[in-house]
Amino acid sequence: MPVFLLSSQQFYIFVLNLNLMTEDQLKIAANFEARVRQLMFLCDNLREQNIDLKSQLAIQKSSNDSLTEEVKQLNKKYDTLKMARIISVNQADFEGAKSRISKLVREVDDCIKLLNNK
């Protein structure tokens, strides 16, 4: 008894007793076998694509994580610089205000001296 064996990794189809099959049935079986082989080929290709895509996804996630961490660090630096600028501006304003007050005090002293001289 001849046996037709269609195999893939875990897929087997057995067609027994070919002597009892008609010409049309043999054509149908051959067509079926060709289509199943084509499906198995496509399935293997899809598995390979899936593996590649998973690898690419892992790389992108890693890149995304490192860029997210870099953004966090840059935001911290930005906040620190912003605070330093606020402090320096306040210090400069303080120095400017101090010099203006000193100038006003001198002008008032000069006015008092002028009034006392008259």
Protein backbone atom coordinates (compact mmCIF):
# COMPACT_ATOMS: atom_id res chain seq x y z
CA MET A 1 0.00 0.00 0.00
CA PRO A 2 1.61 3.30 -1.07
CA VAL A 3 1.36 6.18 1.39
CA PHE A 4 1.48 9.90 0.56
CA LEU A 5 3.12 11.87 3.32
CA LEU A 6 2.85 15.66 3.44
CA SER A 7 5.04 16.99 6.17
CA SER A 8 6.03 20.19 7.82
CA GLN A 9 7.49 20.74 11.24
CA GLN A 10 4.54 19.29 13.12
CA PHE A 11 1.94 18.79 10.41
CA TYR A 12 1.29 15.52 8.61
CA ILE A 13 -1.43 14.47 6.18
CA PHE A 14 -1.71 10.88 5.19
CA VAL A 15 -3.45 9.80 2.05
CA LEU A 16 -3.91 6.02 2.03
CA ASN A 17 -4.67 3.59 -0.73
CA LEU A 18 -4.03 5.63 -3.88
CA ASN A 19 -5.22 2.75 -6.07
CA LEU A 20 -8.83 3.51 -5.12
CA MET A 21 -8.61 7.22 -6.03
CA THR A 22 -9.94 8.51 -9.33
CA GLU A 23 -8.10 10.92 -11.61
CA ASP A 24 -10.13 13.87 -10.30
CA GLN A 25 -9.46 12.88 -6.71
CA LEU A 26 -5.73 12.67 -7.43
CA LYS A 27 -5.82 16.18 -8.96
CA ILE A 28 -7.72 17.48 -5.95
CA ALA A 29 -5.20 15.83 -3.60
CA ALA A 30 -2.26 17.28 -5.55
CA ASN A 31 -3.87 20.73 -5.56
CA PHE A 32 -4.57 20.41 -1.85
CA GLU A 33 -0.97 19.34 -1.21
CA ALA A 34 0.38 22.33 -3.20
CA ARG A 35 -1.84 24.76 -1.29
CA VAL A 36 -0.89 23.31 2.09
CA ARG A 37 2.81 23.56 1.15
CA GLN A 38 2.23 27.17 0.09
CA LEU A 39 0.49 27.91 3.40
CA MET A 40 3.34 26.30 5.34
CA PHE A 41 5.86 28.41 3.39
CA LEU A 42 3.87 31.56 4.11
CA CYS A 43 3.59 30.57 7.77
CA ASP A 44 7.37 30.11 8.01
CA ASN A 45 7.92 33.51 6.38
CA LEU A 46 5.50 35.13 8.81
CA ARG A 47 7.31 33.52 11.74
CA GLU A 48 10.61 34.95 10.49
CA GLN A 49 9.03 38.38 10.02
CA ASN A 50 7.57 38.16 13.52
CA ILE A 51 10.98 37.39 14.99
CA ASP A 52 12.54 40.30 13.09
CA LEU A 53 9.78 42.68 14.17
CA LYS A 54 10.13 41.61 17.81
CA SER A 55 13.85 42.28 17.59
CA GLN A 56 13.26 45.71 16.06
CA LEU A 57 10.67 46.47 18.72
CA ALA A 58 13.10 45.58 21.50
CA ILE A 59 15.73 47.88 19.95
CA GLN A 60 13.22 50.72 19.66
CA LYS A 61 12.04 50.24 23.25
CA SER A 62 15.62 50.37 24.45
CA SER A 63 16.26 53.51 22.42
CA ASN A 64 13.02 55.05 23.70
CA ASP A 65 13.97 54.27 27.30
CA SER A 66 17.40 55.86 26.95
CA LEU A 67 15.94 58.95 25.25
CA THR A 68 13.29 59.26 27.97
CA GLU A 69 16.02 59.14 30.61
CA GLU A 70 17.99 61.79 28.71
CA VAL A 71 14.91 64.03 28.56
CA LYS A 72 14.46 63.67 32.33
CA GLN A 73 18.09 64.64 32.93
CA LEU A 74 17.84 67.62 30.58
CA ASN A 75 14.64 68.77 32.33
CA LYS A 76 16.46 68.62 35.68
CA LYS A 77 19.34 70.66 34.25
CA TYR A 78 16.89 73.15 32.78
CA ASP A 79 15.11 73.56 36.13
CA THR A 80 18.47 74.06 37.86
CA LEU A 81 19.53 76.69 35.32
CA LYS A 82 16.17 78.42 35.59
CA MET A 83 16.51 78.58 39.38
CA ALA A 84 20.10 79.86 39.09
CA ARG A 85 18.95 82.59 36.70
CA ILE A 86 16.17 83.62 39.06
CA ILE A 87 18.67 83.85 41.91
CA SER A 88 21.20 85.79 39.81
CA VAL A 89 18.52 88.17 38.50
CA ASN A 90 17.33 88.76 42.04
CA GLN A 91 20.93 89.33 43.15
CA ALA A 92 21.50 91.80 40.29
CA ASP A 93 18.23 93.57 41.08
CA PHE A 94 19.29 93.74 44.71
CA GLU A 95 22.66 95.30 43.78
CA GLY A 96 20.95 97.75 41.42
CA ALA A 97 18.38 98.72 44.04
CA LYS A 98 21.11 99.15 46.63
CA SER A 99 23.07 101.49 44.36
CA ARG A 100 19.93 103.52 43.54
CA ILE A 101 19.08 103.86 47.23
CA SER A 102 22.64 104.96 47.96
CA LYS A 103 22.41 107.52 45.18
CA LEU A 104 19.07 108.79 46.53
CA VAL A 105 20.52 109.04 50.05
CA ARG A 106 23.44 111.11 48.70
CA GLU A 107 21.06 113.38 46.82
CA VAL A 108 18.99 113.86 49.98
CA ASP A 109 22.17 114.60 51.94
CA ASP A 110 23.20 117.15 49.30
CA CYS A 111 19.76 118.77 49.50
CA ILE A 112 19.99 118.96 53.31
CA LYS A 113 23.45 120.55 53.05
CA LEU A 114 22.15 123.12 50.58
CA LEU A 115 19.23 123.91 52.85
CA ASN A 116 21.51 124.25 55.86
CA ASN A 117 23.84 126.62 53.97
CA LYS A 118 21.08 129.06 53.17
